[in-house]
Amino acid sequence: QVQLVESGGGLVQPGGSLRLSCAASGFMFSIYTMGWYRQAPGKQREYVARISVKGNTVYADAVKGRFTISRDNAKKMIELQMNSLKPEDTAVYYCKRESDYAYWGQGTQVTVSS
């Protein structure tokens, strides 16, 4: 079965950094665009970043210049390097397979607070 498992979340102070990982299994990872999304309390889930099969990347304006998405096709994994974190980055972060039928991971909590 298709599985996406996020890890790496935690508590960090404003200005700090975290690196999230998403391990994929159950499908041919290398032919799918992958993405990161987040959902803050009381908010709708929002797009954060996307990486194509060729490694081309796009970012939401809110994270541009601070976050970096990457992929390792051999490890079947995507990562999200988050720098200069702000309290408004606090959310559950989700990994997603960008396909007609979307698959989501279970999410990992990121809390930015002093």
PDB file of N, CA and C in Angstrom:
ATOM      1  N   GLN A   1       0.837  -1.193   0.000  1.00  0.00           N
ATOM      2  CA  GLN A   1       0.000   0.000   0.000  1.00  0.00           C
ATOM      3  C   GLN A   1       0.875   1.248   0.000  1.00  0.00           C
ATOM      4  N   VAL A   2       0.303   2.343  -0.528  1.00  0.00           N
ATOM      5  CA  VAL A   2       1.003   3.613  -0.510  1.00  0.00           C
ATOM      6  C   VAL A   2       1.109   4.100   0.928  1.00  0.00           C
ATOM      7  N   GLN A   3       2.321   4.484   1.326  1.00  0.00           N
ATOM      8  CA  GLN A   3       2.557   5.038   2.648  1.00  0.00           C
ATOM      9  C   GLN A   3       3.477   6.239   2.569  1.00  0.00           C
ATOM     10  N   LEU A   4       3.144   7.275   3.321  1.00  0.00           N
ATOM     11  CA  LEU A   4       3.977   8.453   3.484  1.00  0.00           C
ATOM     12  C   LEU A   4       4.088   8.715   4.979  1.00  0.00           C
ATOM     13  N   VAL A   5       5.316   8.745   5.504  1.00  0.00           N
ATOM     14  CA  VAL A   5       5.533   8.878   6.934  1.00  0.00           C
ATOM     15  C   VAL A   5       6.458  10.051   7.197  1.00  0.00           C
ATOM     16  N   GLU A   6       5.918  11.091   7.827  1.00  0.00           N
ATOM     17  CA  GLU A   6       6.695  12.282   8.157  1.00  0.00           C
ATOM     18  C   GLU A   6       7.404  12.111   9.500  1.00  0.00           C
ATOM     19  N   SER A   7       8.528  12.800   9.645  1.00  0.00           N
ATOM     20  CA  SER A   7       9.253  12.825  10.905  1.00  0.00           C
ATOM     21  C   SER A   7      10.080  14.100  10.977  1.00  0.00           C
ATOM     22  N   GLY A   8      10.584  14.407  12.164  1.00  0.00           N
ATOM     23  CA  GLY A   8      11.483  15.532  12.352  1.00  0.00           C
ATOM     24  C   GLY A   8      10.874  16.755  13.000  1.00  0.00           C
ATOM     25  N   GLY A   9       9.581  16.738  13.255  1.00  0.00           N
ATOM     26  CA  GLY A   9       8.941  17.871  13.893  1.00  0.00           C
ATOM     27  C   GLY A   9       9.354  18.009  15.347  1.00  0.00           C
ATOM     28  N   GLY A  10       9.015  19.153  15.931  1.00  0.00           N
ATOM     29  CA  GLY A  10       9.348  19.399  17.316  1.00  0.00           C
ATOM     30  C   GLY A  10       9.149  20.847  17.689  1.00  0.00           C
ATOM     31  N   LEU A  11       9.683  21.210  18.847  1.00  0.00           N
ATOM     32  CA  LEU A  11       9.603  22.571  19.374  1.00  0.00           C
ATOM     33  C   LEU A  11      10.902  23.305  19.089  1.00  0.00           C
ATOM     34  N   VAL A  12      10.794  24.504  18.531  1.00  0.00           N
ATOM     35  CA  VAL A  12      11.964  25.303  18.209  1.00  0.00           C
ATOM     36  C   VAL A  12      11.660  26.769  18.498  1.00  0.00           C
ATOM     37  N   GLN A  13      12.691  27.528  18.877  1.00  0.00           N
ATOM     38  CA  GLN A  13      12.518  28.952  19.136  1.00  0.00           C
ATOM     39  C   GLN A  13      12.455  29.748  17.840  1.00  0.00           C
ATOM     40  N   PRO A  14      11.795  30.909  17.855  1.00  0.00           N
ATOM     41  CA  PRO A  14      11.806  31.765  16.667  1.00  0.00           C
ATOM     42  C   PRO A  14      13.224  32.032  16.184  1.00  0.00           C
ATOM     43  N   GLY A  15      13.412  31.965  14.876  1.00  0.00           N
ATOM     44  CA  GLY A  15      14.730  32.120  14.283  1.00  0.00           C
ATOM     45  C   GLY A  15      15.499  30.829  14.137  1.00  0.00           C
ATOM     46  N   GLY A  16      15.003  29.762  14.732  1.00  0.00           N
ATOM     47  CA  GLY A  16      15.668  28.483  14.673  1.00  0.00           C
ATOM     48  C   GLY A  16      15.363  27.706  13.407  1.00  0.00           C
ATOM     49  N   SER A  17      15.861  26.472  13.362  1.00  0.00           N
ATOM     50  CA  SER A  17      15.727  25.626  12.178  1.00  0.00           C
ATOM     51  C   SER A  17      15.252  24.232  12.545  1.00  0.00           C
ATOM     52  N   LEU A  18      14.570  23.602  11.615  1.00  0.00           N
ATOM     53  CA  LEU A  18      14.181  22.203  11.706  1.00  0.00           C
ATOM     54  C   LEU A  18      14.280  21.592  10.320  1.00  0.00           C
ATOM     55  N   ARG A  19      14.511  20.280  10.277  1.00  0.00           N
ATOM     56  CA  ARG A  19      14.536  19.549   9.025  1.00  0.00           C
ATOM     57  C   ARG A  19      13.527  18.405   9.111  1.00  0.00           C
ATOM     58  N   LEU A  20      12.519  18.449   8.252  1.00  0.00           N
ATOM     59  CA  LEU A  20      11.494  17.421   8.202  1.00  0.00           C
ATOM     60  C   LEU A  20      11.817  16.411   7.110  1.00  0.00           C
ATOM     61  N   SER A  21      11.430  15.161   7.351  1.00  0.00           N
ATOM     62  CA  SER A  21      11.614  14.102   6.374  1.00  0.00           C
ATOM     63  C   SER A  21      10.291  13.407   6.114  1.00  0.00           C
ATOM     64  N   CYS A  22      10.138  12.883   4.908  1.00  0.00           N
ATOM     65  CA  CYS A  22       8.973  12.088   4.531  1.00  0.00           C
ATOM     66  C   CYS A  22       9.457  10.859   3.790  1.00  0.00           C
ATOM     67  N   ALA A  23       9.240   9.699   4.378  1.00  0.00           N
ATOM     68  CA  ALA A  23       9.623   8.434   3.767  1.00  0.00           C
ATOM     69  C   ALA A  23       8.441   7.853   3.009  1.00  0.00           C
ATOM     70  N   ALA A  24       8.654   7.516   1.738  1.00  0.00           N
ATOM     71  CA  ALA A  24       7.598   7.005   0.873  1.00  0.00           C
ATOM     72  C   ALA A  24       7.806   5.528   0.575  1.00  0.00           C
ATOM     73  N   SER A  25       6.704   4.813   0.415  1.00  0.00           N
ATOM     74  CA  SER A  25       6.764   3.414   0.033  1.00  0.00           C
ATOM     75  C   SER A  25       5.463   3.020  -0.661  1.00  0.00           C
ATOM     76  N   GLY A  26       5.491   1.907  -1.386  1.00  0.00           N
ATOM     77  CA  GLY A  26       4.296   1.371  -1.999  1.00  0.00           C
ATOM     78  C   GLY A  26       3.962   1.915  -3.379  1.00  0.00           C
ATOM     79  N   PHE A  27       4.841   2.736  -3.949  1.00  0.00           N
ATOM     80  CA  PHE A  27       4.629   3.252  -5.301  1.00  0.00           C
ATOM     81  C   PHE A  27       5.957   3.643  -5.924  1.00  0.00           C
ATOM     82  N   MET A  28       5.942   3.888  -7.238  1.00  0.00           N
ATOM     83  CA  MET A  28       7.146   4.278  -7.955  1.00  0.00           C
ATOM     84  C   MET A  28       7.414   5.759  -7.692  1.00  0.00           C
ATOM     85  N   PHE A  29       8.181   6.014  -6.652  1.00  0.00           N
ATOM     86  CA  PHE A  29       8.397   7.354  -6.122  1.00  0.00           C
ATOM     87  C   PHE A  29       8.948   8.328  -7.162  1.00  0.00           C
ATOM     88  N   SER A  30       9.874   7.866  -7.992  1.00  0.00           N
ATOM     89  CA  SER A  30      10.630   8.756  -8.867  1.00  0.00           C
ATOM     90  C   SER A  30       9.796   9.407  -9.972  1.00  0.00           C
ATOM     91  N   ILE A  31       8.592   8.937 -10.242  1.00  0.00           N
ATOM     92  CA  ILE A  31       7.772   9.494 -11.318  1.00  0.00           C
ATOM     93  C   ILE A  31       6.676  10.429 -10.809  1.00  0.00           C
ATOM     94  N   TYR A  32       6.699  10.750  -9.528  1.00  0.00           N
ATOM     95  CA  TYR A  32       5.680  11.623  -8.959  1.00  0.00           C
ATOM     96  C   TYR A  32       6.256  12.912  -8.404  1.00  0.00           C
ATOM     97  N   THR A  33       5.582  14.014  -8.713  1.00  0.00           N
ATOM     98  CA  THR A  33       5.818  15.257  -8.003  1.00  0.00           C
ATOM     99  C   THR A  33       5.358  15.079  -6.553  1.00  0.00           C
ATOM    100  N   MET A  34       6.127  15.630  -5.626  1.00  0.00           N
ATOM    101  CA  MET A  34       5.809  15.529  -4.211  1.00  0.00           C
ATOM    102  C   MET A  34       5.708  16.927  -3.602  1.00  0.00           C
ATOM    103  N   GLY A  35       4.958  17.030  -2.514  1.00  0.00           N
ATOM    104  CA  GLY A  35       4.778  18.329  -1.891  1.00  0.00           C
ATOM    105  C   GLY A  35       4.710  18.278  -0.382  1.00  0.00           C
ATOM    106  N   TRP A  36       4.904  19.449   0.224  1.00  0.00           N
ATOM    107  CA  TRP A  36       4.697  19.662   1.651  1.00  0.00           C
ATOM    108  C   TRP A  36       3.546  20.645   1.838  1.00  0.00           C
ATOM    109  N   TYR A  37       2.689  20.355   2.802  1.00  0.00           N
ATOM    110  CA  TYR A  37       1.575  21.203   3.179  1.00  0.00           C
ATOM    111  C   TYR A  37       1.579  21.354   4.691  1.00  0.00           C
ATOM    112  N   ARG A  38       0.832  22.332   5.187  1.00  0.00           N
ATOM    113  CA  ARG A  38       0.740  22.507   6.634  1.00  0.00           C
ATOM    114  C   ARG A  38      -0.656  22.973   7.015  1.00  0.00           C
ATOM    115  N   GLN A  39      -1.019  22.689   8.258  1.00  0.00           N
ATOM    116  CA  GLN A  39      -2.310  23.097   8.784  1.00  0.00           C
ATOM    117  C   GLN A  39      -2.149  23.574  10.221  1.00  0.00           C
ATOM    118  N   ALA A  40      -2.424  24.852  10.431  1.00  0.00           N
ATOM    119  CA  ALA A  40      -2.375  25.444  11.754  1.00  0.00           C
ATOM    120  C   ALA A  40      -3.728  25.281  12.440  1.00  0.00           C
ATOM    121  N   PRO A  41      -3.770  25.361  13.777  1.00  0.00           N
ATOM    122  CA  PRO A  41      -5.051  25.236  14.485  1.00  0.00           C
ATOM    123  C   PRO A  41      -6.073  26.248  13.992  1.00  0.00           C
ATOM    124  N   GLY A  42      -7.272  25.778  13.678  1.00  0.00           N
ATOM    125  CA  GLY A  42      -8.337  26.648  13.220  1.00  0.00           C
ATOM    126  C   GLY A  42      -8.197  27.132  11.801  1.00  0.00           C
ATOM    127  N   LYS A  43      -7.200  26.657  11.075  1.00  0.00           N
ATOM    128  CA  LYS A  43      -6.948  27.087   9.706  1.00  0.00           C
ATOM    129  C   LYS A  43      -7.125  25.925   8.730  1.00  0.00           C
ATOM    130  N   GLN A  44      -7.320  26.266   7.461  1.00  0.00           N
ATOM    131  CA  GLN A  44      -7.345  25.254   6.416  1.00  0.00           C
ATOM    132  C   GLN A  44      -5.925  24.819   6.077  1.00  0.00           C
ATOM    133  N   ARG A  45      -5.799  23.612   5.564  1.00  0.00           N
ATOM    134  CA  ARG A  45      -4.508  23.132   5.126  1.00  0.00           C
ATOM    135  C   ARG A  45      -4.018  23.960   3.939  1.00  0.00           C
ATOM    136  N   GLU A  46      -2.738  24.338   3.956  1.00  0.00           N
ATOM    137  CA  GLU A  46      -2.196  25.173   2.903  1.00  0.00           C
ATOM    138  C   GLU A  46      -0.936  24.572   2.296  1.00  0.00           C
ATOM    139  N   TYR A  47      -0.739  24.866   1.045  1.00  0.00           N
ATOM    140  CA  TYR A  47       0.434  24.458   0.292  1.00  0.00           C
ATOM    141  C   TYR A  47       1.666  25.179   0.811  1.00  0.00           C
ATOM    142  N   VAL A  48       2.784  24.453   0.915  1.00  0.00           N
ATOM    143  CA  VAL A  48       4.054  25.019   1.365  1.00  0.00           C
ATOM    144  C   VAL A  48       5.106  24.982   0.267  1.00  0.00           C
ATOM    145  N   ALA A  49       5.341  23.808  -0.307  1.00  0.00           N
ATOM    146  CA  ALA A  49       6.395  23.648  -1.308  1.00  0.00           C
ATOM    147  C   ALA A  49       6.131  22.411  -2.147  1.00  0.00           C
ATOM    148  N   ARG A  50       6.724  22.394  -3.346  1.00  0.00           N
ATOM    149  CA  ARG A  50       6.531  21.275  -4.264  1.00  0.00           C
ATOM    150  C   ARG A  50       7.822  21.022  -5.017  1.00  0.00           C
ATOM    151  N   ILE A  51       8.106  19.750  -5.294  1.00  0.00           N
ATOM    152  CA  ILE A  51       9.291  19.390  -6.061  1.00  0.00           C
ATOM    153  C   ILE A  51       8.900  18.400  -7.150  1.00  0.00           C
ATOM    154  N   SER A  52       9.320  18.677  -8.384  1.00  0.00           N
ATOM    155  CA  SER A  52       8.970  17.856  -9.528  1.00  0.00           C
ATOM    156  C   SER A  52       9.885  16.650  -9.638  1.00  0.00           C
ATOM    157  N   VAL A  53       9.585  15.783 -10.605  1.00  0.00           N
ATOM    158  CA  VAL A  53      10.406  14.598 -10.826  1.00  0.00           C
ATOM    159  C   VAL A  53      11.813  14.968 -11.267  1.00  0.00           C
ATOM    160  N   LYS A  54      11.980  16.141 -11.890  1.00  0.00           N
ATOM    161  CA  LYS A  54      13.289  16.615 -12.318  1.00  0.00           C
ATOM    162  C   LYS A  54      14.032  17.386 -11.230  1.00  0.00           C
ATOM    163  N   GLY A  55      13.368  17.613 -10.101  1.00  0.00           N
ATOM    164  CA  GLY A  55      13.970  18.371  -9.027  1.00  0.00           C
ATOM    165  C   GLY A  55      13.674  19.860  -9.059  1.00  0.00           C
ATOM    166  N   ASN A  56      12.808  20.301  -9.965  1.00  0.00           N
ATOM    167  CA  ASN A  56      12.383  21.694  -9.965  1.00  0.00           C
ATOM    168  C   ASN A  56      11.520  21.966  -8.743  1.00  0.00           C
ATOM    169  N   THR A  57      11.693  23.128  -8.135  1.00  0.00           N
ATOM    170  CA  THR A  57      11.006  23.449  -6.893  1.00  0.00           C
ATOM    171  C   THR A  57      10.197  24.728  -7.003  1.00  0.00           C
ATOM    172  N   VAL A  58       9.092  24.772  -6.277  1.00  0.00           N
ATOM    173  CA  VAL A  58       8.285  25.974  -6.127  1.00  0.00           C
ATOM    174  C   VAL A  58       7.876  26.087  -4.670  1.00  0.00           C
ATOM    175  N   TYR A  59       7.637  27.338  -4.220  1.00  0.00           N
ATOM    176  CA  TYR A  59       7.350  27.605  -2.820  1.00  0.00           C
ATOM    177  C   TYR A  59       6.208  28.583  -2.671  1.00  0.00           C
ATOM    178  N   ALA A  60       5.456  28.425  -1.589  1.00  0.00           N
ATOM    179  CA  ALA A  60       4.486  29.434  -1.217  1.00  0.00           C
ATOM    180  C   ALA A  60       5.220  30.710  -0.815  1.00  0.00           C
ATOM    181  N   ASP A  61       4.603  31.849  -1.080  1.00  0.00           N
ATOM    182  CA  ASP A  61       5.234  33.123  -0.770  1.00  0.00           C
ATOM    183  C   ASP A  61       5.635  33.233   0.700  1.00  0.00           C
ATOM    184  N   ALA A  62       4.845  32.653   1.586  1.00  0.00           N
ATOM    185  CA  ALA A  62       5.087  32.771   3.015  1.00  0.00           C
ATOM    186  C   ALA A  62       6.390  32.113   3.466  1.00  0.00           C
ATOM    187  N   VAL A  63       6.897  31.163   2.683  1.00  0.00           N
ATOM    188  CA  VAL A  63       8.094  30.435   3.088  1.00  0.00           C
ATOM    189  C   VAL A  63       9.267  30.635   2.140  1.00  0.00           C
ATOM    190  N   LYS A  64       9.058  31.334   1.042  1.00  0.00           N
ATOM    191  CA  LYS A  64      10.093  31.532   0.030  1.00  0.00           C
ATOM    192  C   LYS A  64      11.319  32.206   0.636  1.00  0.00           C
ATOM    193  N   GLY A  65      12.489  31.639   0.374  1.00  0.00           N
ATOM    194  CA  GLY A  65      13.728  32.161   0.904  1.00  0.00           C
ATOM    195  C   GLY A  65      14.110  31.609   2.253  1.00  0.00           C
ATOM    196  N   ARG A  66      13.185  30.914   2.918  1.00  0.00           N
ATOM    197  CA  ARG A  66      13.448  30.356   4.242  1.00  0.00           C
ATOM    198  C   ARG A  66      13.432  28.833   4.237  1.00  0.00           C
ATOM    199  N   PHE A  67      12.577  28.245   3.410  1.00  0.00           N
ATOM    200  CA  PHE A  67      12.429  26.790   3.352  1.00  0.00           C
ATOM    201  C   PHE A  67      13.030  26.251   2.065  1.00  0.00           C
ATOM    202  N   THR A  68      13.544  25.027   2.118  1.00  0.00           N
ATOM    203  CA  THR A  68      14.075  24.352   0.947  1.00  0.00           C
ATOM    204  C   THR A  68      13.550  22.922   0.899  1.00  0.00           C
ATOM    205  N   ILE A  69      12.911  22.562  -0.208  1.00  0.00           N
ATOM    206  CA  ILE A  69      12.437  21.193  -0.406  1.00  0.00           C
ATOM    207  C   ILE A  69      13.452  20.443  -1.261  1.00  0.00           C
ATOM    208  N   SER A  70      13.662  19.167  -0.956  1.00  0.00           N
ATOM    209  CA  SER A  70      14.572  18.341  -1.726  1.00  0.00           C
ATOM    210  C   SER A  70      14.036  16.916  -1.796  1.00  0.00           C
ATOM    211  N   ARG A  71      14.598  16.124  -2.709  1.00  0.00           N
ATOM    212  CA  ARG A  71      14.188  14.726  -2.803  1.00  0.00           C
ATOM    213  C   ARG A  71      15.387  13.839  -3.069  1.00  0.00           C
ATOM    214  N   ASP A  72      15.292  12.609  -2.605  1.00  0.00           N
ATOM    215  CA  ASP A  72      16.298  11.590  -2.832  1.00  0.00           C
ATOM    216  C   ASP A  72      15.557  10.372  -3.365  1.00  0.00           C
ATOM    217  N   ASN A  73      15.612  10.167  -4.677  1.00  0.00           N
ATOM    218  CA  ASN A  73      14.845   9.089  -5.295  1.00  0.00           C
ATOM    219  C   ASN A  73      15.351   7.708  -4.881  1.00  0.00           C
ATOM    220  N   ALA A  74      16.653   7.584  -4.622  1.00  0.00           N
ATOM    221  CA  ALA A  74      17.205   6.307  -4.186  1.00  0.00           C
ATOM    222  C   ALA A  74      16.663   5.913  -2.820  1.00  0.00           C
ATOM    223  N   LYS A  75      16.527   6.891  -1.934  1.00  0.00           N
ATOM    224  CA  LYS A  75      15.991   6.640  -0.595  1.00  0.00           C
ATOM    225  C   LYS A  75      14.472   6.742  -0.539  1.00  0.00           C
ATOM    226  N   LYS A  76      13.846   7.173  -1.640  1.00  0.00           N
ATOM    227  CA  LYS A  76      12.398   7.386  -1.695  1.00  0.00           C
ATOM    228  C   LYS A  76      11.968   8.302  -0.560  1.00  0.00           C
ATOM    229  N   MET A  77      12.566   9.476  -0.539  1.00  0.00           N
ATOM    230  CA  MET A  77      12.358  10.403   0.563  1.00  0.00           C
ATOM    231  C   MET A  77      12.367  11.843   0.065  1.00  0.00           C
ATOM    232  N   ILE A  78      11.531  12.687   0.671  1.00  0.00           N
ATOM    233  CA  ILE A  78      11.632  14.125   0.486  1.00  0.00           C
ATOM    234  C   ILE A  78      11.901  14.772   1.832  1.00  0.00           C
ATOM    235  N   GLU A  79      12.524  15.943   1.795  1.00  0.00           N
ATOM    236  CA  GLU A  79      12.851  16.665   3.005  1.00  0.00           C
ATOM    237  C   GLU A  79      12.428  18.113   2.864  1.00  0.00           C
ATOM    238  N   LEU A  80      12.243  18.762   3.997  1.00  0.00           N
ATOM    239  CA  LEU A  80      11.951  20.185   4.046  1.00  0.00           C
ATOM    240  C   LEU A  80      12.854  20.815   5.090  1.00  0.00           C
ATOM    241  N   GLN A  81      13.847  21.560   4.627  1.00  0.00           N
ATOM    242  CA  GLN A  81      14.726  22.306   5.515  1.00  0.00           C
ATOM    243  C   GLN A  81      14.071  23.643   5.810  1.00  0.00           C
ATOM    244  N   MET A  82      13.802  23.909   7.079  1.00  0.00           N
ATOM    245  CA  MET A  82      13.109  25.114   7.496  1.00  0.00           C
ATOM    246  C   MET A  82      14.050  25.969   8.330  1.00  0.00           C
ATOM    247  N   ASN A  83      14.358  27.162   7.845  1.00  0.00           N
ATOM    248  CA  ASN A  83      15.227  28.097   8.543  1.00  0.00           C
ATOM    249  C   ASN A  83      14.470  29.367   8.895  1.00  0.00           C
ATOM    250  N   SER A  84      15.045  30.150   9.792  1.00  0.00           N
ATOM    251  CA  SER A  84      14.451  31.424  10.213  1.00  0.00           C
ATOM    252  C   SER A  84      12.979  31.263  10.565  1.00  0.00           C
ATOM    253  N   LEU A  85      12.694  30.273  11.370  1.00  0.00           N
ATOM    254  CA  LEU A  85      11.311  29.938  11.684  1.00  0.00           C
ATOM    255  C   LEU A  85      10.622  31.033  12.482  1.00  0.00           C
ATOM    256  N   LYS A  86       9.343  31.209  12.192  1.00  0.00           N
ATOM    257  CA  LYS A  86       8.503  32.209  12.829  1.00  0.00           C
ATOM    258  C   LYS A  86       7.358  31.529  13.565  1.00  0.00           C
ATOM    259  N   PRO A  87       6.779  32.182  14.580  1.00  0.00           N
ATOM    260  CA  PRO A  87       5.625  31.593  15.259  1.00  0.00           C
ATOM    261  C   PRO A  87       4.494  31.206  14.305  1.00  0.00           C
ATOM    262  N   GLU A  88       4.302  31.969  13.240  1.00  0.00           N
ATOM    263  CA  GLU A  88       3.249  31.666  12.280  1.00  0.00           C
ATOM    264  C   GLU A  88       3.523  30.419  11.442  1.00  0.00           C
ATOM    265  N   ASP A  89       4.726  29.855  11.558  1.00  0.00           N
ATOM    266  CA  ASP A  89       5.030  28.578  10.923  1.00  0.00           C
ATOM    267  C   ASP A  89       4.513  27.396  11.735  1.00  0.00           C
ATOM    268  N   THR A  90       4.039  27.650  12.945  1.00  0.00           N
ATOM    269  CA  THR A  90       3.513  26.584  13.788  1.00  0.00           C
ATOM    270  C   THR A  90       2.335  25.900  13.105  1.00  0.00           C
ATOM    271  N   ALA A  91       2.431  24.591  12.928  1.00  0.00           N
ATOM    272  CA  ALA A  91       1.402  23.831  12.232  1.00  0.00           C
ATOM    273  C   ALA A  91       1.772  22.359  12.251  1.00  0.00           C
ATOM    274  N   VAL A  92       0.827  21.529  11.844  1.00  0.00           N
ATOM    275  CA  VAL A  92       1.136  20.150  11.509  1.00  0.00           C
ATOM    276  C   VAL A  92       1.538  20.132  10.042  1.00  0.00           C
ATOM    277  N   TYR A  93       2.690  19.561   9.749  1.00  0.00           N
ATOM    278  CA  TYR A  93       3.221  19.516   8.390  1.00  0.00           C
ATOM    279  C   TYR A  93       2.982  18.145   7.783  1.00  0.00           C
ATOM    280  N   TYR A  94       2.471  18.142   6.553  1.00  0.00           N
ATOM    281  CA  TYR A  94       2.079  16.921   5.870  1.00  0.00           C
ATOM    282  C   TYR A  94       2.836  16.752   4.560  1.00  0.00           C
ATOM    283  N   CYS A  95       3.197  15.531   4.267  1.00  0.00           N
ATOM    284  CA  CYS A  95       3.765  15.128   2.990  1.00  0.00           C
ATOM    285  C   CYS A  95       2.632  14.667   2.078  1.00  0.00           C
ATOM    286  N   LYS A  96       2.723  14.966   0.777  1.00  0.00           N
ATOM    287  CA  LYS A  96       1.663  14.617  -0.171  1.00  0.00           C
ATOM    288  C   LYS A  96       2.227  14.156  -1.501  1.00  0.00           C
ATOM    289  N   ARG A  97       1.637  13.100  -2.058  1.00  0.00           N
ATOM    290  CA  ARG A  97       1.908  12.717  -3.435  1.00  0.00           C
ATOM    291  C   ARG A  97       1.004  13.530  -4.346  1.00  0.00           C
ATOM    292  N   GLU A  98       1.602  14.305  -5.252  1.00  0.00           N
ATOM    293  CA  GLU A  98       0.853  15.178  -6.148  1.00  0.00           C
ATOM    294  C   GLU A  98       0.387  14.363  -7.347  1.00  0.00           C
ATOM    295  N   SER A  99      -0.793  13.807  -7.233  1.00  0.00           N
ATOM    296  CA  SER A  99      -1.381  12.967  -8.265  1.00  0.00           C
ATOM    297  C   SER A  99      -2.893  13.171  -8.266  1.00  0.00           C
ATOM    298  N   ASP A 100      -3.561  12.641  -9.301  1.00  0.00           N
ATOM    299  CA  ASP A 100      -5.011  12.816  -9.387  1.00  0.00           C
ATOM    300  C   ASP A 100      -5.705  12.315  -8.127  1.00  0.00           C
ATOM    301  N   TYR A 101      -5.242  11.184  -7.611  1.00  0.00           N
ATOM    302  CA  TYR A 101      -5.670  10.724  -6.305  1.00  0.00           C
ATOM    303  C   TYR A 101      -4.542  11.005  -5.322  1.00  0.00           C
ATOM    304  N   ALA A 102      -4.754  11.956  -4.438  1.00  0.00           N
ATOM    305  CA  ALA A 102      -3.711  12.406  -3.526  1.00  0.00           C
ATOM    306  C   ALA A 102      -3.574  11.480  -2.327  1.00  0.00           C
ATOM    307  N   TYR A 103      -2.329  11.150  -1.995  1.00  0.00           N
ATOM    308  CA  TYR A 103      -2.021  10.415  -0.782  1.00  0.00           C
ATOM    309  C   TYR A 103      -1.310  11.344   0.183  1.00  0.00           C
ATOM    310  N   TRP A 104      -1.687  11.254   1.455  1.00  0.00           N
ATOM    311  CA  TRP A 104      -1.148  12.101   2.504  1.00  0.00           C
ATOM    312  C   TRP A 104      -0.490  11.275   3.589  1.00  0.00           C
ATOM    313  N   GLY A 105       0.535  11.847   4.213  1.00  0.00           N
ATOM    314  CA  GLY A 105       1.098  11.267   5.411  1.00  0.00           C
ATOM    315  C   GLY A 105       0.260  11.625   6.622  1.00  0.00           C
ATOM    316  N   GLN A 106       0.700  11.160   7.793  1.00  0.00           N
ATOM    317  CA  GLN A 106      -0.049  11.388   9.029  1.00  0.00           C
ATOM    318  C   GLN A 106       0.236  12.751   9.649  1.00  0.00           C
ATOM    319  N   GLY A 107       1.295  13.397   9.224  1.00  0.00           N
ATOM    320  CA  GLY A 107       1.662  14.713   9.718  1.00  0.00           C
ATOM    321  C   GLY A 107       2.653  14.668  10.860  1.00  0.00           C
ATOM    322  N   THR A 108       3.427  15.752  10.992  1.00  0.00           N
ATOM    323  CA  THR A 108       4.346  15.916  12.105  1.00  0.00           C
ATOM    324  C   THR A 108       4.224  17.348  12.628  1.00  0.00           C
ATOM    325  N   GLN A 109       4.167  17.487  13.947  1.00  0.00           N
ATOM    326  CA  GLN A 109       3.916  18.784  14.583  1.00  0.00           C
ATOM    327  C   GLN A 109       5.173  19.625  14.628  1.00  0.00           C
ATOM    328  N   VAL A 110       5.054  20.869  14.178  1.00  0.00           N
ATOM    329  CA  VAL A 110       6.115  21.869  14.306  1.00  0.00           C
ATOM    330  C   VAL A 110       5.573  23.018  15.140  1.00  0.00           C
ATOM    331  N   THR A 111       6.240  23.314  16.246  1.00  0.00           N
ATOM    332  CA  THR A 111       5.840  24.412  17.115  1.00  0.00           C
ATOM    333  C   THR A 111       6.991  25.394  17.242  1.00  0.00           C
ATOM    334  N   VAL A 112       6.747  26.648  16.882  1.00  0.00           N
ATOM    335  CA  VAL A 112       7.748  27.704  16.956  1.00  0.00           C
ATOM    336  C   VAL A 112       7.315  28.662  18.053  1.00  0.00           C
ATOM    337  N   SER A 113       8.039  28.651  19.162  1.00  0.00           N
ATOM    338  CA  SER A 113       7.650  29.434  20.322  1.00  0.00           C
ATOM    339  C   SER A 113       8.853  29.658  21.223  1.00  0.00           C
ATOM    340  N   SER A 114       8.893  30.821  21.872  1.00  0.00           N
ATOM    341  CA  SER A 114       9.953  31.123  22.795  1.00  0.00           C
ATOM    342  C   SER A 114       9.556  30.740  24.220  1.00  0.00           C
TER     343      SER A 114
END
